[in-house]
């Protein structure tokens, strides 16, 4: 993996516009914290220990020194806020947050002047208002810790390859060379979720990625394992507060 030091010249906090035509970053780590705004598309943040998905109206925090890469199904114009590690708005862990209208306006404006602003000028005041507002952004439950044991990783990989697989844990465990009881214990220990909860969250994240590429709600629901589309809509609404159709309109 290639680790890239993206240490732009600037103050403690600045916002940059970043265009990714390939929609796929290389693995890298930043010396600063990074808040990546999804814009009109769906972004997936891959780390060594998990996956986070930021749909439109959301952003994802990456902590300093965290090896990560961002991917999307389409090319994307991003806005990224970079903050020194000791800036007190930086959260304690990587997470997805909802971007409200005020944060969106402030981030857009800050991106127009980037890193080279005077510390005592009007642009610095915009950044200070942004910093005052960031801690009020709600955390959205769109992250998933990845199992670390090779046997549970085998199970996770099988679910990623076919999220619609209706097999029970006994089936996956047998193929991974572990008892279902041990696998169940490891999932809770390593991810904080039961196997069933972990699979449901994985299906939601994969569904978001596919909805972001323009697939229909029915197609996506069936593809990730829901035979009842209304059940998928209920899970989506619980996470994001709206139905998929309303959210992506």
C-alpha atoms as a PDB file:
ATOM      1  CA  UNK A   1       0.000   0.000   0.000  1.00  0.00           C
ATOM      2  CA  UNK A   2       1.155   3.517  -0.740  1.00  0.00           C
ATOM      3  CA  UNK A   3       0.992   6.041   2.090  1.00  0.00           C
ATOM      4  CA  UNK A   4       0.667   9.616   0.863  1.00  0.00           C
ATOM      5  CA  UNK A   5       1.408  12.633   3.062  1.00  0.00           C
ATOM      6  CA  UNK A   6      -1.207  15.145   1.949  1.00  0.00           C
ATOM      7  CA  UNK A   7       0.059  17.993   4.151  1.00  0.00           C
ATOM      8  CA  UNK A   8      -1.136  21.126   2.383  1.00  0.00           C
ATOM      9  CA  UNK A   9       0.333  24.482   3.431  1.00  0.00           C
ATOM     10  CA  UNK A  10      -2.131  26.408   5.542  1.00  0.00           C
ATOM     11  CA  UNK A  11      -3.391  27.171   8.999  1.00  0.00           C
ATOM     12  CA  UNK A  12      -4.849  24.881  11.604  1.00  0.00           C
ATOM     13  CA  UNK A  13      -8.083  24.456   9.617  1.00  0.00           C
ATOM     14  CA  UNK A  14      -8.861  24.879   5.910  1.00  0.00           C
ATOM     15  CA  UNK A  15     -11.215  23.499   3.248  1.00  0.00           C
ATOM     16  CA  UNK A  16     -10.146  22.348  -0.219  1.00  0.00           C
ATOM     17  CA  UNK A  17     -12.100  21.379  -3.334  1.00  0.00           C
ATOM     18  CA  UNK A  18     -10.849  18.061  -4.697  1.00  0.00           C
ATOM     19  CA  UNK A  19     -11.821  16.473  -8.009  1.00  0.00           C
ATOM     20  CA  UNK A  20     -11.547  12.695  -8.401  1.00  0.00           C
ATOM     21  CA  UNK A  21     -12.284  11.631 -11.956  1.00  0.00           C
ATOM     22  CA  UNK A  22     -11.359   8.016 -11.235  1.00  0.00           C
ATOM     23  CA  UNK A  23     -13.536   7.995  -8.085  1.00  0.00           C
ATOM     24  CA  UNK A  24     -10.890   5.900  -6.355  1.00  0.00           C
ATOM     25  CA  UNK A  25      -8.156   7.115  -4.013  1.00  0.00           C
ATOM     26  CA  UNK A  26      -4.954   5.297  -3.242  1.00  0.00           C
ATOM     27  CA  UNK A  27      -4.400   4.101   0.311  1.00  0.00           C
ATOM     28  CA  UNK A  28      -2.873   6.933   2.315  1.00  0.00           C
ATOM     29  CA  UNK A  29      -2.819   8.623   5.703  1.00  0.00           C
ATOM     30  CA  UNK A  30      -3.091  12.347   6.435  1.00  0.00           C
ATOM     31  CA  UNK A  31      -1.225  14.164   9.220  1.00  0.00           C
ATOM     32  CA  UNK A  32      -4.407  16.165   9.792  1.00  0.00           C
ATOM     33  CA  UNK A  33      -7.969  15.116  10.502  1.00  0.00           C
ATOM     34  CA  UNK A  34     -10.123  15.191   7.381  1.00  0.00           C
ATOM     35  CA  UNK A  35     -13.868  15.772   7.014  1.00  0.00           C
ATOM     36  CA  UNK A  36     -14.912  14.626   3.525  1.00  0.00           C
ATOM     37  CA  UNK A  37     -18.227  15.961   2.215  1.00  0.00           C
ATOM     38  CA  UNK A  38     -20.089  13.569  -0.055  1.00  0.00           C
ATOM     39  CA  UNK A  39     -21.796  16.204  -2.201  1.00  0.00           C
ATOM     40  CA  UNK A  40     -24.317  14.648  -4.586  1.00  0.00           C
ATOM     41  CA  UNK A  41     -22.930  11.135  -4.588  1.00  0.00           C
ATOM     42  CA  UNK A  42     -22.234   8.244  -2.213  1.00  0.00           C
ATOM     43  CA  UNK A  43     -18.725   7.902  -0.799  1.00  0.00           C
ATOM     44  CA  UNK A  44     -17.276   4.808   0.826  1.00  0.00           C
ATOM     45  CA  UNK A  45     -14.418   5.203   3.281  1.00  0.00           C
ATOM     46  CA  UNK A  46     -12.302   2.074   3.676  1.00  0.00           C
ATOM     47  CA  UNK A  47      -9.991   1.793   6.681  1.00  0.00           C
ATOM     48  CA  UNK A  48      -7.929  -1.112   7.961  1.00  0.00           C
ATOM     49  CA  UNK A  49     -10.615  -1.908  10.546  1.00  0.00           C
ATOM     50  CA  UNK A  50     -13.902  -0.987   8.920  1.00  0.00           C
ATOM     51  CA  UNK A  51     -16.056   0.675   6.321  1.00  0.00           C
ATOM     52  CA  UNK A  52     -18.103   3.882   6.456  1.00  0.00           C
ATOM     53  CA  UNK A  53     -20.553   5.078   3.816  1.00  0.00           C
ATOM     54  CA  UNK A  54     -21.511   8.739   3.406  1.00  0.00           C
ATOM     55  CA  UNK A  55     -24.518   9.355   1.136  1.00  0.00           C
ATOM     56  CA  UNK A  56     -25.609  12.812  -0.083  1.00  0.00           C
ATOM     57  CA  UNK A  57     -26.187  15.317   2.769  1.00  0.00           C
ATOM     58  CA  UNK A  58     -23.501  13.571   4.814  1.00  0.00           C
ATOM     59  CA  UNK A  59     -19.759  13.726   5.423  1.00  0.00           C
ATOM     60  CA  UNK A  60     -17.228  11.349   6.926  1.00  0.00           C
ATOM     61  CA  UNK A  61     -14.521  12.143   9.486  1.00  0.00           C
ATOM     62  CA  UNK A  62     -11.097  10.503   9.133  1.00  0.00           C
ATOM     63  CA  UNK A  63      -8.691  10.772  12.058  1.00  0.00           C
ATOM     64  CA  UNK A  64      -5.047  11.845  11.649  1.00  0.00           C
ATOM     65  CA  UNK A  65      -2.739   8.987  10.753  1.00  0.00           C
ATOM     66  CA  UNK A  66      -5.584   6.652   9.764  1.00  0.00           C
ATOM     67  CA  UNK A  67      -4.704   4.610   6.698  1.00  0.00           C
ATOM     68  CA  UNK A  68      -7.682   4.910   4.390  1.00  0.00           C
ATOM     69  CA  UNK A  69      -8.997   5.285   0.884  1.00  0.00           C
ATOM     70  CA  UNK A  70     -12.197   6.817  -0.478  1.00  0.00           C
ATOM     71  CA  UNK A  71     -14.135   5.259  -3.332  1.00  0.00           C
ATOM     72  CA  UNK A  72     -17.297   6.064  -5.264  1.00  0.00           C
ATOM     73  CA  UNK A  73     -19.156   4.446  -8.132  1.00  0.00           C
ATOM     74  CA  UNK A  74     -18.771   7.672 -10.147  1.00  0.00           C
ATOM     75  CA  UNK A  75     -16.271  10.503 -10.466  1.00  0.00           C
ATOM     76  CA  UNK A  76     -16.838  13.085  -7.792  1.00  0.00           C
ATOM     77  CA  UNK A  77     -16.020  16.643  -6.764  1.00  0.00           C
ATOM     78  CA  UNK A  78     -15.347  16.635  -3.031  1.00  0.00           C
ATOM     79  CA  UNK A  79     -14.872  19.263  -0.378  1.00  0.00           C
ATOM     80  CA  UNK A  80     -12.475  18.233   2.364  1.00  0.00           C
ATOM     81  CA  UNK A  81     -11.905  20.094   5.602  1.00  0.00           C
ATOM     82  CA  UNK A  82      -8.432  19.508   7.042  1.00  0.00           C
ATOM     83  CA  UNK A  83      -7.829  20.209  10.724  1.00  0.00           C
ATOM     84  CA  UNK A  84      -4.789  19.859  12.953  1.00  0.00           C
ATOM     85  CA  UNK A  85      -5.102  16.938  15.355  1.00  0.00           C
ATOM     86  CA  UNK A  86      -5.387  19.229  18.392  1.00  0.00           C
ATOM     87  CA  UNK A  87      -8.382  21.191  17.036  1.00  0.00           C
ATOM     88  CA  UNK A  88     -11.156  20.378  19.487  1.00  0.00           C
ATOM     89  CA  UNK A  89     -13.854  19.731  16.864  1.00  0.00           C
ATOM     90  CA  UNK A  90     -12.109  16.527  15.758  1.00  0.00           C
ATOM     91  CA  UNK A  91     -14.147  13.519  17.011  1.00  0.00           C
ATOM     92  CA  UNK A  92     -12.669  10.607  18.926  1.00  0.00           C
ATOM     93  CA  UNK A  93     -13.183   8.156  16.060  1.00  0.00           C
ATOM     94  CA  UNK A  94     -13.994   7.941  12.362  1.00  0.00           C
ATOM     95  CA  UNK A  95     -17.708   8.559  11.838  1.00  0.00           C
ATOM     96  CA  UNK A  96     -20.374   9.740   9.392  1.00  0.00           C
ATOM     97  CA  UNK A  97     -22.204  12.995  10.180  1.00  0.00           C
ATOM     98  CA  UNK A  98     -25.218  14.715   8.655  1.00  0.00           C
ATOM     99  CA  UNK A  99     -24.358  17.983   6.878  1.00  0.00           C
ATOM    100  CA  UNK A 100     -27.097  20.556   7.479  1.00  0.00           C
ATOM    101  CA  UNK A 101     -27.715  23.622   5.313  1.00  0.00           C
ATOM    102  CA  UNK A 102     -25.571  25.955   7.436  1.00  0.00           C
ATOM    103  CA  UNK A 103     -22.573  23.613   7.415  1.00  0.00           C
ATOM    104  CA  UNK A 104     -22.981  23.131   3.678  1.00  0.00           C
ATOM    105  CA  UNK A 105     -22.927  26.885   3.016  1.00  0.00           C
ATOM    106  CA  UNK A 106     -19.922  27.456   5.290  1.00  0.00           C
ATOM    107  CA  UNK A 107     -17.943  24.569   3.790  1.00  0.00           C
ATOM    108  CA  UNK A 108     -18.721  25.766   0.255  1.00  0.00           C
ATOM    109  CA  UNK A 109     -17.577  29.285   1.050  1.00  0.00           C
ATOM    110  CA  UNK A 110     -14.442  28.127   2.865  1.00  0.00           C
ATOM    111  CA  UNK A 111     -13.500  26.016  -0.145  1.00  0.00           C
ATOM    112  CA  UNK A 112     -13.380  29.151  -2.313  1.00  0.00           C
ATOM    113  CA  UNK A 113     -10.378  30.552  -0.416  1.00  0.00           C
ATOM    114  CA  UNK A 114      -8.760  27.285   0.685  1.00  0.00           C
ATOM    115  CA  UNK A 115      -5.653  27.253   2.857  1.00  0.00           C
ATOM    116  CA  UNK A 116      -4.202  30.676   2.167  1.00  0.00           C
ATOM    117  CA  UNK A 117      -6.305  33.013   4.289  1.00  0.00           C
ATOM    118  CA  UNK A 118      -5.207  35.648   6.795  1.00  0.00           C
ATOM    119  CA  UNK A 119      -5.666  34.562  10.426  1.00  0.00           C
ATOM    120  CA  UNK A 120      -7.325  37.847  11.413  1.00  0.00           C
ATOM    121  CA  UNK A 121      -9.449  38.532   8.320  1.00  0.00           C
ATOM    122  CA  UNK A 122     -13.085  37.927   7.327  1.00  0.00           C
ATOM    123  CA  UNK A 123     -12.260  34.521   5.882  1.00  0.00           C
ATOM    124  CA  UNK A 124     -10.886  33.391   9.238  1.00  0.00           C
ATOM    125  CA  UNK A 125     -14.159  34.453  10.849  1.00  0.00           C
ATOM    126  CA  UNK A 126     -16.050  32.176   8.449  1.00  0.00           C
ATOM    127  CA  UNK A 127     -13.798  29.299   9.479  1.00  0.00           C
ATOM    128  CA  UNK A 128     -14.403  30.053  13.164  1.00  0.00           C
ATOM    129  CA  UNK A 129     -18.181  29.982  12.655  1.00  0.00           C
ATOM    130  CA  UNK A 130     -17.770  26.661  10.836  1.00  0.00           C
ATOM    131  CA  UNK A 131     -15.728  25.245  13.725  1.00  0.00           C
ATOM    132  CA  UNK A 132     -18.358  26.397  16.224  1.00  0.00           C
ATOM    133  CA  UNK A 133     -21.034  24.591  14.215  1.00  0.00           C
ATOM    134  CA  UNK A 134     -19.317  21.284  13.399  1.00  0.00           C
ATOM    135  CA  UNK A 135     -19.771  19.692  16.863  1.00  0.00           C
ATOM    136  CA  UNK A 136     -23.545  20.093  16.463  1.00  0.00           C
ATOM    137  CA  UNK A 137     -23.720  17.844  13.371  1.00  0.00           C
ATOM    138  CA  UNK A 138     -25.543  14.614  14.172  1.00  0.00           C
ATOM    139  CA  UNK A 139     -23.698  11.319  13.862  1.00  0.00           C
ATOM    140  CA  UNK A 140     -25.381   8.982  11.341  1.00  0.00           C
ATOM    141  CA  UNK A 141     -25.110   5.193  11.994  1.00  0.00           C
ATOM    142  CA  UNK A 142     -23.500   4.261   8.678  1.00  0.00           C
ATOM    143  CA  UNK A 143     -20.289   2.612   9.801  1.00  0.00           C
ATOM    144  CA  UNK A 144     -19.290  -1.011  10.196  1.00  0.00           C
ATOM    145  CA  UNK A 145     -16.366  -2.488  12.098  1.00  0.00           C
ATOM    146  CA  UNK A 146     -14.666  -5.329  10.251  1.00  0.00           C
ATOM    147  CA  UNK A 147     -13.871  -8.637  11.996  1.00  0.00           C
ATOM    148  CA  UNK A 148     -10.154  -9.265  12.491  1.00  0.00           C
ATOM    149  CA  UNK A 149      -9.932 -13.019  13.045  1.00  0.00           C
ATOM    150  CA  UNK A 150      -9.163 -14.809   9.736  1.00  0.00           C
ATOM    151  CA  UNK A 151     -12.155 -17.099  10.232  1.00  0.00           C
ATOM    152  CA  UNK A 152     -14.669 -14.291  10.756  1.00  0.00           C
ATOM    153  CA  UNK A 153     -13.012 -12.352   7.940  1.00  0.00           C
ATOM    154  CA  UNK A 154     -13.753 -15.333   5.708  1.00  0.00           C
ATOM    155  CA  UNK A 155     -17.415 -15.086   6.688  1.00  0.00           C
ATOM    156  CA  UNK A 156     -17.436 -11.317   6.111  1.00  0.00           C
ATOM    157  CA  UNK A 157     -15.861 -11.719   2.668  1.00  0.00           C
ATOM    158  CA  UNK A 158     -18.511 -14.275   1.713  1.00  0.00           C
ATOM    159  CA  UNK A 159     -21.269 -11.846   2.700  1.00  0.00           C
ATOM    160  CA  UNK A 160     -19.684  -9.018   0.727  1.00  0.00           C
ATOM    161  CA  UNK A 161     -19.439 -11.260  -2.326  1.00  0.00           C
ATOM    162  CA  UNK A 162     -23.118 -12.225  -2.026  1.00  0.00           C
ATOM    163  CA  UNK A 163     -25.080 -10.038   0.427  1.00  0.00           C
ATOM    164  CA  UNK A 164     -28.318 -11.746  -0.654  1.00  0.00           C
ATOM    165  CA  UNK A 165     -27.116 -15.124   0.625  1.00  0.00           C
ATOM    166  CA  UNK A 166     -29.771 -16.303   3.090  1.00  0.00           C
ATOM    167  CA  UNK A 167     -27.515 -18.847   4.790  1.00  0.00           C
ATOM    168  CA  UNK A 168     -27.439 -18.980   8.580  1.00  0.00           C
ATOM    169  CA  UNK A 169     -24.318 -18.596  10.685  1.00  0.00           C
ATOM    170  CA  UNK A 170     -23.879 -22.384  10.915  1.00  0.00           C
ATOM    171  CA  UNK A 171     -23.495 -22.523   7.125  1.00  0.00           C
ATOM    172  CA  UNK A 172     -20.918 -19.729   6.946  1.00  0.00           C
ATOM    173  CA  UNK A 173     -19.037 -21.015   9.991  1.00  0.00           C
ATOM    174  CA  UNK A 174     -18.680 -24.494   8.582  1.00  0.00           C
ATOM    175  CA  UNK A 175     -17.118 -23.097   5.398  1.00  0.00           C
ATOM    176  CA  UNK A 176     -14.755 -20.944   7.485  1.00  0.00           C
ATOM    177  CA  UNK A 177     -13.601 -23.836   9.677  1.00  0.00           C
ATOM    178  CA  UNK A 178     -15.048 -22.509  12.929  1.00  0.00           C
ATOM    179  CA  UNK A 179     -18.004 -23.442  15.092  1.00  0.00           C
ATOM    180  CA  UNK A 180     -21.068 -21.224  14.944  1.00  0.00           C
ATOM    181  CA  UNK A 181     -20.792 -20.575  18.664  1.00  0.00           C
ATOM    182  CA  UNK A 182     -17.209 -19.350  18.344  1.00  0.00           C
ATOM    183  CA  UNK A 183     -18.042 -17.264  15.273  1.00  0.00           C
ATOM    184  CA  UNK A 184     -20.976 -15.645  17.077  1.00  0.00           C
ATOM    185  CA  UNK A 185     -18.742 -14.752  20.016  1.00  0.00           C
ATOM    186  CA  UNK A 186     -16.029 -13.347  17.752  1.00  0.00           C
ATOM    187  CA  UNK A 187     -18.455 -11.145  15.827  1.00  0.00           C
ATOM    188  CA  UNK A 188     -19.647  -9.487  19.028  1.00  0.00           C
ATOM    189  CA  UNK A 189     -16.114  -9.153  20.398  1.00  0.00           C
ATOM    190  CA  UNK A 190     -14.556  -7.767  17.203  1.00  0.00           C
ATOM    191  CA  UNK A 191     -17.368  -5.677  15.730  1.00  0.00           C
ATOM    192  CA  UNK A 192     -19.672  -4.837  18.626  1.00  0.00           C
ATOM    193  CA  UNK A 193     -22.581  -6.414  16.731  1.00  0.00           C
ATOM    194  CA  UNK A 194     -24.168  -9.815  16.567  1.00  0.00           C
ATOM    195  CA  UNK A 195     -23.787 -11.689  13.291  1.00  0.00           C
ATOM    196  CA  UNK A 196     -27.364 -10.804  12.311  1.00  0.00           C
ATOM    197  CA  UNK A 197     -26.891  -7.114  13.142  1.00  0.00           C
ATOM    198  CA  UNK A 198     -23.596  -7.042  11.258  1.00  0.00           C
ATOM    199  CA  UNK A 199     -25.146  -8.600   8.139  1.00  0.00           C
ATOM    200  CA  UNK A 200     -28.070  -6.151   8.213  1.00  0.00           C
ATOM    201  CA  UNK A 201     -25.697  -3.188   8.487  1.00  0.00           C
ATOM    202  CA  UNK A 202     -23.529  -4.520   5.664  1.00  0.00           C
ATOM    203  CA  UNK A 203     -26.596  -4.871   3.455  1.00  0.00           C
ATOM    204  CA  UNK A 204     -27.593  -1.274   4.198  1.00  0.00           C
ATOM    205  CA  UNK A 205     -24.137   0.076   3.320  1.00  0.00           C
ATOM    206  CA  UNK A 206     -23.941  -1.920   0.077  1.00  0.00           C
ATOM    207  CA  UNK A 207     -27.473  -0.788  -0.783  1.00  0.00           C
ATOM    208  CA  UNK A 208     -26.483   2.851  -0.306  1.00  0.00           C
ATOM    209  CA  UNK A 209     -23.549   2.420  -2.676  1.00  0.00           C
ATOM    210  CA  UNK A 210     -25.822   0.895  -5.330  1.00  0.00           C
ATOM    211  CA  UNK A 211     -28.565   3.482  -4.879  1.00  0.00           C
ATOM    212  CA  UNK A 212     -25.909   6.146  -5.356  1.00  0.00           C
ATOM    213  CA  UNK A 213     -25.143   4.746  -8.795  1.00  0.00           C
ATOM    214  CA  UNK A 214     -28.780   5.128  -9.873  1.00  0.00           C
ATOM    215  CA  UNK A 215     -30.181   1.637  -9.279  1.00  0.00           C
ATOM    216  CA  UNK A 216     -33.872   1.370  -8.399  1.00  0.00           C
ATOM    217  CA  UNK A 217     -34.963   0.761  -4.816  1.00  0.00           C
ATOM    218  CA  UNK A 218     -36.621  -2.552  -5.705  1.00  0.00           C
ATOM    219  CA  UNK A 219     -33.591  -3.855  -7.600  1.00  0.00           C
ATOM    220  CA  UNK A 220     -31.237  -2.904  -4.785  1.00  0.00           C
ATOM    221  CA  UNK A 221     -33.436  -4.334  -2.035  1.00  0.00           C
ATOM    222  CA  UNK A 222     -33.610  -7.701  -3.801  1.00  0.00           C
ATOM    223  CA  UNK A 223     -29.908  -7.680  -4.649  1.00  0.00           C
ATOM    224  CA  UNK A 224     -28.854  -7.240  -1.027  1.00  0.00           C
ATOM    225  CA  UNK A 225     -31.173  -9.929   0.291  1.00  0.00           C
ATOM    226  CA  UNK A 226     -34.559  -8.389   1.065  1.00  0.00           C
ATOM    227  CA  UNK A 227     -37.466 -10.337  -0.411  1.00  0.00           C
ATOM    228  CA  UNK A 228     -39.835  -7.783   1.104  1.00  0.00           C
ATOM    229  CA  UNK A 229     -38.987  -4.299  -0.220  1.00  0.00           C
ATOM    230  CA  UNK A 230     -40.962  -2.651   2.590  1.00  0.00           C
ATOM    231  CA  UNK A 231     -38.610  -4.256   5.133  1.00  0.00           C
ATOM    232  CA  UNK A 232     -35.634  -2.690   3.380  1.00  0.00           C
ATOM    233  CA  UNK A 233     -37.364   0.694   3.308  1.00  0.00           C
ATOM    234  CA  UNK A 234     -38.008   0.427   7.054  1.00  0.00           C
ATOM    235  CA  UNK A 235     -34.302  -0.249   7.743  1.00  0.00           C
ATOM    236  CA  UNK A 236     -33.311   2.651   5.488  1.00  0.00           C
ATOM    237  CA  UNK A 237     -35.761   5.036   7.157  1.00  0.00           C
ATOM    238  CA  UNK A 238     -34.532   4.059  10.599  1.00  0.00           C
ATOM    239  CA  UNK A 239     -30.961   4.977   9.608  1.00  0.00           C
ATOM    240  CA  UNK A 240     -31.589   8.106   7.529  1.00  0.00           C
ATOM    241  CA  UNK A 241     -35.025   9.339   8.540  1.00  0.00           C
ATOM    242  CA  UNK A 242     -36.548   9.111   5.040  1.00  0.00           C
ATOM    243  CA  UNK A 243     -37.480   6.506   2.474  1.00  0.00           C
ATOM    244  CA  UNK A 244     -34.845   5.789  -0.200  1.00  0.00           C
ATOM    245  CA  UNK A 245     -36.996   7.411  -2.908  1.00  0.00           C
ATOM    246  CA  UNK A 246     -37.326  10.659  -0.973  1.00  0.00           C
ATOM    247  CA  UNK A 247     -33.711  10.680   0.132  1.00  0.00           C
ATOM    248  CA  UNK A 248     -32.243  10.266  -3.359  1.00  0.00           C
ATOM    249  CA  UNK A 249     -34.716  12.427  -5.288  1.00  0.00           C
END
